[in-house]
Amino acid sequence: MDSTHTALNLQHFLADYQRKLTGSENDMPFYLQANPVLVDVGDSCSLDLIESPDDVSIANFQPGADVFRQTGVRPQEDQHVPATFTALTNYKAKSRKCAFGRTQYTHKLNPPPADCQDLQLDACELELTVRIYRPPRAYHRGFKVEIPVFAEEYVCLGSNYLTELRDKISCVCRGKRFVDISNDPDAPLPTIDTNPGYFFINDTFYNDKRNPNNPDYSQTVLKWAARANGVQGESLKVENMEGKRFIDLTVSPGSPLHYLHHGNCEHLFVISQIEVLTPRSKRPERSLYPYPHAFSTFNRRTCYLCGIRSYSFIVDQSRRQLHNPSYLCRSCLLSFHYVDGQKVGQFKAYRIYDHAEAEEEEDEHKGGDN
């Protein structure tokens, strides 16, 4: 926990804000008064003011009705969709890429929800922006040396459950269990019977116990904290993630928080913005929350050998590679580490896609080679 960030009880914050809205003008925030100070709060607090040339490129995304999609124009109902565009759309659907721009033709092929109305509120509601960073991939002597890299950003309502956000977070480890398949590169990945994980927010571990068989990851951390220097004496609590809404939390805006799943897959995340929505606020329909607001557009790592195809295997402890671990496509793995289908040397290999995804990857590569 970072003592420089003041903890904020969201229920008390919203109640205090509503009290100011109904109080005298002297109690109101300056931007709600009849003659507010002329300052653009959004621009003065924008994250663009602290951006760095080394930051990854970020694509913004707005869900819902066409009014939120400024990159495209809705076509006429009788607009003809060329067969070439349809074929390209089907081809790109296999690439696992997330393109947010909508063209004249994608309005017909992928129309927005027909019942997507504006958010209707009877009272004030909180809207929180959550920025999630990808797990560090660089290690040296057991220490993580890669700086946090932005991965995605979600907008949540105070009435959203923590489990709703967790189900939206994208990660290569999501829904899979990785094992060493170097003896049989095409062996199926084991099925997952449990999906444990926790959010550590302020001083509380929120465990996902929707499946009663999910292990409690927080107990391992609590045992470590009981004897770790600098952490002893801290009052840490444990609660279930399900049934817990954002409005029930006490948070420190801007302070790094912790999300752990898949054993040791660690993500940092921050609550970067808290906004009060009034019944007059114009927002997407409630069912779309939590919705993605921005995604990192950094390129996926390519194969270390060919440098052409995307990797689908992570090779560890191989003396035939300059880097450990190495990221290889299936073709390079089989040609460089196997002879007549037999493993050469001692190494471990982990496949990051199941068979269905691997087939799509192969189809994509074949299409690109033609």
Protein backbone atom coordinates (compact mmCIF):
# COMPACT_ATOMS: atom_id res chain seq x y z
CA MET A 1 0.00 0.00 0.00
CA ASP A 2 1.21 3.47 -0.87
CA SER A 3 0.68 5.96 1.93
CA THR A 4 0.95 8.88 -0.52
CA HIS A 5 -2.45 8.02 -2.00
CA THR A 6 -5.46 8.84 0.14
CA ALA A 7 -7.97 6.00 0.45
CA LEU A 8 -11.43 6.96 -0.77
CA ASN A 9 -14.62 5.26 0.36
CA LEU A 10 -16.70 5.36 -2.81
CA GLN A 11 -20.07 5.27 -1.06
CA HIS A 12 -19.13 8.22 1.14
CA PHE A 13 -17.66 10.05 -1.85
CA LEU A 14 -20.89 9.71 -3.86
CA ALA A 15 -23.07 10.69 -0.89
CA ASP A 16 -20.93 13.77 -0.25
CA TYR A 17 -21.12 14.75 -3.92
CA GLN A 18 -24.90 14.42 -3.95
CA ARG A 19 -25.10 16.51 -0.78
CA LYS A 20 -23.14 19.29 -2.48
CA LEU A 21 -25.45 19.15 -5.49
CA THR A 22 -28.47 19.82 -3.29
CA GLY A 23 -26.76 22.32 -0.96
CA SER A 24 -26.16 26.03 -1.26
CA GLU A 25 -24.12 27.50 -4.10
CA ASN A 26 -21.20 28.12 -1.74
CA ASP A 27 -20.99 24.37 -1.08
CA MET A 28 -21.13 23.39 -4.75
CA PRO A 29 -17.97 22.53 -6.71
CA PHE A 30 -16.88 25.49 -8.85
CA TYR A 31 -17.67 23.68 -12.11
CA LEU A 32 -21.35 23.29 -11.07
CA GLN A 33 -21.92 26.88 -10.04
CA ALA A 34 -23.79 29.39 -12.16
CA ASN A 35 -20.57 31.21 -13.18
CA PRO A 36 -17.82 28.62 -12.95
CA VAL A 37 -14.13 29.34 -13.33
CA LEU A 38 -13.32 29.05 -17.01
CA VAL A 39 -10.93 26.13 -17.01
CA ASP A 40 -11.08 22.96 -19.04
CA VAL A 41 -10.76 20.35 -16.31
CA GLY A 42 -10.61 17.49 -18.80
CA ASP A 43 -7.65 18.92 -20.69
CA SER A 44 -5.80 20.01 -17.56
CA CYS A 45 -6.06 16.50 -16.06
CA SER A 46 -5.52 14.56 -19.28
CA LEU A 47 -3.08 11.65 -19.24
CA ASP A 48 -1.73 13.01 -22.52
CA LEU A 49 0.16 15.62 -20.47
CA ILE A 50 2.44 12.92 -19.03
CA GLU A 51 2.80 10.71 -22.10
CA SER A 52 6.24 9.59 -23.18
CA PRO A 53 7.63 8.90 -26.68
CA ASP A 54 8.37 5.37 -25.44
CA ASP A 55 4.72 4.67 -24.62
CA VAL A 56 2.90 2.10 -26.73
CA SER A 57 0.30 3.26 -29.22
CA ILE A 58 -3.23 3.21 -27.80
CA ALA A 59 -6.49 2.88 -29.73
CA ASN A 60 -9.62 4.38 -28.21
CA PHE A 61 -12.92 2.54 -28.41
CA GLN A 62 -16.48 3.65 -27.75
CA PRO A 63 -19.24 1.01 -27.66
CA GLY A 64 -22.92 1.27 -28.36
CA ALA A 65 -24.87 3.46 -30.72
CA ASP A 66 -23.44 5.08 -33.85
CA VAL A 67 -23.18 8.45 -32.13
CA PHE A 68 -20.13 7.12 -30.26
CA ARG A 69 -18.41 5.88 -33.42
CA GLN A 70 -16.70 8.87 -34.96
CA THR A 71 -14.60 6.83 -37.39
CA GLY A 72 -17.41 5.76 -39.71
CA VAL A 73 -20.58 6.97 -41.38
CA ARG A 74 -23.73 4.88 -41.39
CA PRO A 75 -24.48 3.76 -44.98
CA GLN A 76 -27.80 3.58 -46.75
CA GLU A 77 -29.92 0.51 -46.06
CA ASP A 78 -29.55 -0.70 -49.65
CA GLN A 79 -25.75 -0.29 -49.60
CA HIS A 80 -24.15 -3.16 -51.52
CA VAL A 81 -21.36 -5.05 -49.73
CA PRO A 82 -18.67 -6.14 -52.22
CA ALA A 83 -17.75 -9.81 -52.17
CA THR A 84 -14.08 -8.85 -51.75
CA PHE A 85 -14.82 -6.96 -48.54
CA THR A 86 -16.82 -9.89 -47.19
CA ALA A 87 -13.95 -12.28 -47.95
CA LEU A 88 -11.43 -9.97 -46.25
CA THR A 89 -13.66 -9.69 -43.19
CA ASN A 90 -13.89 -13.49 -42.87
CA TYR A 91 -10.12 -13.76 -43.27
CA LYS A 92 -9.36 -11.11 -40.63
CA ALA A 93 -11.77 -12.75 -38.21
CA LYS A 94 -9.18 -15.51 -37.71
CA SER A 95 -6.33 -13.18 -36.74
CA ARG A 96 -7.45 -12.51 -33.13
CA LYS A 97 -6.79 -8.82 -33.77
CA CYS A 98 -9.19 -6.28 -32.32
CA ALA A 99 -9.88 -3.51 -34.84
CA PHE A 100 -12.17 -0.83 -33.51
CA GLY A 101 -12.68 1.25 -36.62
CA ARG A 102 -15.97 0.78 -38.47
CA THR A 103 -16.28 1.37 -42.20
CA GLN A 104 -19.28 1.82 -44.48
CA TYR A 105 -19.62 -1.93 -44.89
CA THR A 106 -18.99 -3.15 -41.35
CA HIS A 107 -22.16 -1.34 -40.29
CA LYS A 108 -24.10 -3.92 -42.26
CA LEU A 109 -21.97 -6.96 -41.44
CA ASN A 110 -21.57 -6.06 -37.74
CA PRO A 111 -24.42 -3.72 -36.84
CA PRO A 112 -24.52 -2.07 -33.40
CA PRO A 113 -27.04 -3.46 -30.87
CA ALA A 114 -30.56 -2.55 -31.95
CA ASP A 115 -31.66 -1.84 -28.38
CA CYS A 116 -28.60 0.22 -27.41
CA GLN A 117 -30.11 3.24 -25.69
CA ASP A 118 -28.57 5.96 -23.58
CA LEU A 119 -27.88 5.21 -19.93
CA GLN A 120 -30.98 6.01 -17.88
CA LEU A 121 -30.31 7.05 -14.27
CA ASP A 122 -32.77 7.93 -11.53
CA ALA A 123 -29.96 9.10 -9.23
CA CYS A 124 -26.26 9.83 -9.40
CA GLU A 125 -23.95 6.95 -10.25
CA LEU A 126 -20.18 6.53 -10.22
CA GLU A 127 -18.19 5.75 -13.36
CA LEU A 128 -14.67 4.39 -12.82
CA THR A 129 -11.87 4.03 -15.35
CA VAL A 130 -9.60 1.02 -14.72
CA ARG A 131 -6.23 0.83 -16.50
CA ILE A 132 -4.69 -2.66 -16.67
CA TYR A 133 -1.05 -3.42 -17.44
CA ARG A 134 0.32 -6.60 -18.97
CA PRO A 135 2.42 -8.98 -16.84
CA PRO A 136 6.19 -8.29 -16.97
CA ARG A 137 8.00 -10.66 -19.31
CA ALA A 138 11.63 -9.78 -18.56
CA TYR A 139 13.46 -11.44 -15.66
CA HIS A 140 17.03 -11.23 -14.40
CA ARG A 141 18.27 -13.34 -11.49
CA GLY A 142 14.73 -13.90 -10.34
CA PHE A 143 13.73 -10.20 -10.45
CA LYS A 144 11.26 -8.63 -12.84
CA VAL A 145 13.03 -5.84 -14.67
CA GLU A 146 10.47 -4.85 -17.32
CA ILE A 147 8.54 -1.68 -16.59
CA PRO A 148 4.73 -1.95 -16.57
CA VAL A 149 3.28 -1.71 -20.09
CA PHE A 150 -0.28 -0.55 -20.64
CA ALA A 151 -2.55 -3.29 -21.99
CA GLU A 152 -6.19 -2.19 -21.80
CA GLU A 153 -8.58 0.19 -20.13
CA TYR A 154 -12.15 -0.46 -19.02
CA VAL A 155 -14.94 1.83 -17.87
CA CYS A 156 -17.08 0.44 -15.04
CA LEU A 157 -20.12 1.64 -13.17
CA GLY A 158 -20.22 1.71 -9.40
CA SER A 159 -23.00 -0.88 -9.61
CA ASN A 160 -20.81 -3.35 -11.55
CA TYR A 161 -19.48 -6.40 -9.71
CA LEU A 162 -15.76 -7.13 -9.54
CA THR A 163 -16.43 -10.47 -11.24
CA GLU A 164 -17.82 -8.61 -14.27
CA LEU A 165 -14.51 -6.82 -14.74
CA ARG A 166 -12.48 -9.97 -14.21
CA ASP A 167 -14.45 -11.79 -16.91
CA LYS A 168 -13.61 -9.00 -19.38
CA ILE A 169 -9.83 -8.82 -18.79
CA SER A 170 -7.96 -10.37 -21.70
CA CYS A 171 -4.80 -12.40 -21.09
CA VAL A 172 -3.06 -15.20 -22.95
CA CYS A 173 -3.30 -17.27 -19.73
CA ARG A 174 -7.06 -16.91 -19.56
CA GLY A 175 -8.91 -20.21 -19.81
CA LYS A 176 -5.78 -22.33 -20.28
CA ARG A 177 -3.37 -24.38 -18.25
CA PHE A 178 0.15 -24.60 -19.65
CA VAL A 179 2.28 -27.73 -19.29
CA ASP A 180 5.51 -28.91 -20.87
CA ILE A 181 4.52 -30.56 -24.16
CA SER A 182 8.04 -30.79 -25.65
CA ASN A 183 7.75 -34.59 -26.01
CA ASP A 184 4.55 -34.19 -28.00
CA PRO A 185 4.10 -30.64 -29.39
CA ASP A 186 0.57 -31.42 -30.55
CA ALA A 187 -0.60 -32.86 -27.23
CA PRO A 188 -3.89 -31.30 -26.07
CA LEU A 189 -3.68 -28.76 -23.30
CA PRO A 190 -5.21 -30.03 -20.04
CA THR A 191 -8.72 -28.90 -19.26
CA ILE A 192 -9.35 -26.38 -16.50
CA ASP A 193 -11.66 -27.35 -13.67
CA THR A 194 -10.94 -24.27 -11.55
CA ASN A 195 -10.21 -20.64 -12.30
CA PRO A 196 -8.87 -18.98 -9.14
CA GLY A 197 -7.69 -15.40 -8.86
CA TYR A 198 -7.91 -12.32 -6.70
CA PHE A 199 -7.96 -8.53 -6.83
CA PHE A 200 -5.91 -6.87 -4.08
CA ILE A 201 -7.49 -3.44 -3.50
CA ASN A 202 -6.43 -1.14 -0.67
CA ASP A 203 -5.95 -3.68 2.15
CA THR A 204 -8.30 -6.47 1.03
CA PHE A 205 -7.94 -9.62 -1.07
CA TYR A 206 -11.08 -10.24 -3.12
CA ASN A 207 -10.99 -13.93 -4.10
CA ASP A 208 -13.01 -15.41 -6.94
CA LYS A 209 -14.93 -18.21 -5.21
CA ARG A 210 -17.72 -18.62 -7.74
CA ASN A 211 -16.34 -22.13 -8.09
CA PRO A 212 -16.12 -23.56 -4.54
CA ASN A 213 -13.10 -25.61 -5.66
CA ASN A 214 -11.06 -22.53 -6.58
CA PRO A 215 -7.88 -22.39 -4.45
CA ASP A 216 -7.46 -19.36 -2.20
CA TYR A 217 -4.35 -17.63 -3.58
CA SER A 218 -4.49 -14.97 -0.87
CA GLN A 219 -3.56 -17.46 1.86
CA THR A 220 -0.11 -17.93 0.34
CA VAL A 221 0.46 -14.17 0.31
CA LEU A 222 -0.83 -13.78 3.86
CA LYS A 223 1.60 -16.43 5.11
CA TRP A 224 4.44 -14.59 3.40
CA ALA A 225 3.29 -11.21 4.77
CA ALA A 226 3.27 -12.57 8.33
CA ARG A 227 7.07 -12.92 8.25
CA ALA A 228 8.14 -10.43 5.57
CA ASN A 229 10.07 -7.32 6.60
CA GLY A 230 8.06 -4.14 6.31
CA VAL A 231 4.70 -5.91 6.03
CA GLN A 232 4.37 -7.40 9.50
CA GLY A 233 1.56 -5.84 11.48
CA GLU A 234 -0.43 -4.79 8.44
CA SER A 235 -4.15 -5.47 8.80
CA LEU A 236 -5.05 -7.42 5.66
CA LYS A 237 -8.56 -8.74 5.04
CA VAL A 238 -10.01 -11.44 2.77
CA GLU A 239 -13.42 -11.30 1.08
CA ASN A 240 -15.14 -12.93 -1.88
CA MET A 241 -15.09 -11.19 -5.24
CA GLU A 242 -18.62 -12.22 -6.18
CA GLY A 243 -21.30 -10.01 -4.70
CA LYS A 244 -18.85 -7.12 -4.26
CA ARG A 245 -19.63 -3.97 -6.27
CA PHE A 246 -17.22 -1.16 -7.04
CA ILE A 247 -19.34 1.24 -5.00
CA ASP A 248 -18.64 -0.94 -1.93
CA LEU A 249 -14.87 -0.46 -2.22
CA THR A 250 -12.41 1.86 -0.54
CA VAL A 251 -9.80 2.74 -3.16
CA SER A 252 -6.77 4.98 -3.65
CA PRO A 253 -7.06 6.55 -7.11
CA GLY A 254 -3.77 6.33 -8.99
CA SER A 255 -2.27 3.81 -6.59
CA PRO A 256 -1.07 0.50 -8.14
CA LEU A 257 -3.32 -2.46 -7.38
CA HIS A 258 -2.74 -6.17 -7.92
CA TYR A 259 -4.57 -8.82 -9.95
CA LEU A 260 -3.29 -12.41 -9.74
CA HIS A 261 -4.56 -15.44 -11.63
CA HIS A 262 -3.28 -18.59 -13.31
CA GLY A 263 -0.90 -19.36 -10.45
CA ASN A 264 1.68 -16.61 -10.98
CA CYS A 265 0.31 -14.38 -13.75
CA GLU A 266 0.42 -10.93 -12.17
CA HIS A 267 -1.18 -7.76 -13.56
CA LEU A 268 -0.94 -4.27 -12.15
CA PHE A 269 -3.99 -2.05 -12.49
CA VAL A 270 -4.99 1.40 -11.32
CA ILE A 271 -8.26 3.23 -10.92
CA SER A 272 -7.23 6.28 -12.91
CA GLN A 273 -10.47 8.26 -12.92
CA ILE A 274 -13.69 8.48 -10.91
CA GLU A 275 -16.56 10.46 -12.39
CA VAL A 276 -20.04 11.15 -11.04
CA LEU A 277 -22.82 10.57 -13.58
CA THR A 278 -26.04 12.49 -13.12
CA PRO A 279 -29.42 11.62 -14.67
CA ARG A 280 -28.51 14.06 -17.46
CA SER A 281 -25.24 12.33 -18.35
CA LYS A 282 -25.06 10.80 -21.82
CA ARG A 283 -23.50 7.34 -21.68
CA PRO A 284 -23.96 3.91 -23.34
CA GLU A 285 -26.68 1.57 -22.12
CA ARG A 286 -26.01 -0.03 -18.73
CA SER A 287 -25.67 -3.61 -20.02
CA LEU A 288 -22.52 -2.67 -21.98
CA TYR A 289 -20.54 -1.93 -18.81
CA PRO A 290 -17.75 -2.72 -18.10
CA TYR A 291 -16.83 -1.73 -21.64
CA PRO A 292 -13.35 -1.38 -23.20
CA HIS A 293 -12.27 2.22 -23.58
CA ALA A 294 -8.74 1.74 -24.95
CA PHE A 295 -6.41 -1.07 -25.96
CA SER A 296 -2.68 -1.12 -26.50
CA THR A 297 -1.83 -1.59 -30.17
CA PHE A 298 1.69 -2.93 -29.71
CA ASN A 299 2.57 -5.67 -32.18
CA ARG A 300 2.58 -9.25 -31.04
CA ARG A 301 6.01 -10.79 -30.66
CA THR A 302 7.18 -12.57 -33.80
CA CYS A 303 9.09 -15.84 -34.03
CA TYR A 304 12.72 -15.48 -32.93
CA LEU A 305 13.94 -17.64 -35.84
CA CYS A 306 12.01 -16.70 -38.95
CA GLY A 307 10.88 -13.25 -37.81
CA ILE A 308 7.81 -13.60 -40.05
CA ARG A 309 5.14 -15.59 -38.24
CA SER A 310 3.72 -14.93 -34.80
CA TYR A 311 4.98 -17.23 -32.08
CA SER A 312 2.81 -20.02 -30.70
CA PHE A 313 5.38 -21.83 -28.51
CA ILE A 314 7.52 -20.65 -25.61
CA VAL A 315 10.76 -22.66 -25.39
CA ASP A 316 12.61 -22.69 -22.09
CA GLN A 317 16.08 -23.99 -21.10
CA SER A 318 17.16 -24.73 -24.67
CA ARG A 319 20.91 -24.67 -25.29
CA ARG A 320 20.25 -24.29 -29.00
CA GLN A 321 18.75 -20.81 -28.54
CA LEU A 322 20.47 -17.51 -27.77
CA HIS A 323 17.53 -16.28 -25.68
CA ASN A 324 15.85 -17.94 -22.74
CA PRO A 325 12.96 -18.17 -23.05
CA SER A 326 12.57 -18.14 -26.83
CA TYR A 327 9.34 -17.50 -28.73
CA LEU A 328 8.92 -19.72 -31.78
CA CYS A 329 6.28 -20.50 -34.35
CA ARG A 330 5.31 -24.12 -34.85
CA SER A 331 7.22 -24.50 -38.11
CA CYS A 332 10.52 -23.25 -36.66
CA LEU A 333 10.11 -25.23 -33.45
CA LEU A 334 9.64 -28.52 -35.29
CA SER A 335 12.43 -27.88 -37.82
CA PHE A 336 15.01 -26.68 -35.30
CA HIS A 337 14.35 -28.80 -32.20
CA TYR A 338 13.14 -32.10 -33.70
CA VAL A 339 14.55 -34.70 -36.08
CA ASP A 340 12.08 -37.15 -37.60
CA GLY A 341 9.58 -36.05 -34.97
CA GLN A 342 11.95 -36.83 -32.07
CA LYS A 343 13.01 -34.19 -29.56
CA VAL A 344 16.66 -33.11 -29.77
CA GLY A 345 18.34 -32.06 -26.53
CA GLN A 346 16.80 -31.07 -23.24
CA PHE A 347 14.33 -28.21 -23.19
CA LYS A 348 10.77 -27.39 -22.22
CA ALA A 349 8.11 -26.15 -24.60
CA TYR A 350 4.75 -24.58 -23.81
CA ARG A 351 2.04 -24.05 -26.41
CA ILE A 352 -0.01 -20.92 -25.83
CA TYR A 353 -2.96 -21.81 -28.11
CA ASP A 354 -5.33 -24.73 -28.12
CA HIS A 355 -5.88 -26.75 -31.30
CA ALA A 356 -8.69 -24.59 -32.69
CA GLU A 357 -6.60 -21.44 -32.35
CA ALA A 358 -3.55 -23.19 -33.75
CA GLU A 359 -5.47 -24.22 -36.86
CA GLU A 360 -6.57 -20.62 -37.40
CA GLU A 361 -2.95 -19.50 -36.98
CA GLU A 362 -1.80 -22.01 -39.57
CA ASP A 363 -4.54 -20.95 -42.00
CA GLU A 364 -3.51 -17.33 -41.52
CA HIS A 365 0.14 -18.13 -42.24
CA LYS A 366 -0.72 -20.14 -45.34
CA GLY A 367 -2.86 -17.33 -46.63
CA GLY A 368 -0.01 -14.86 -46.06
CA ASP A 369 2.48 -17.10 -47.92
CA ASN A 370 0.32 -17.33 -51.06
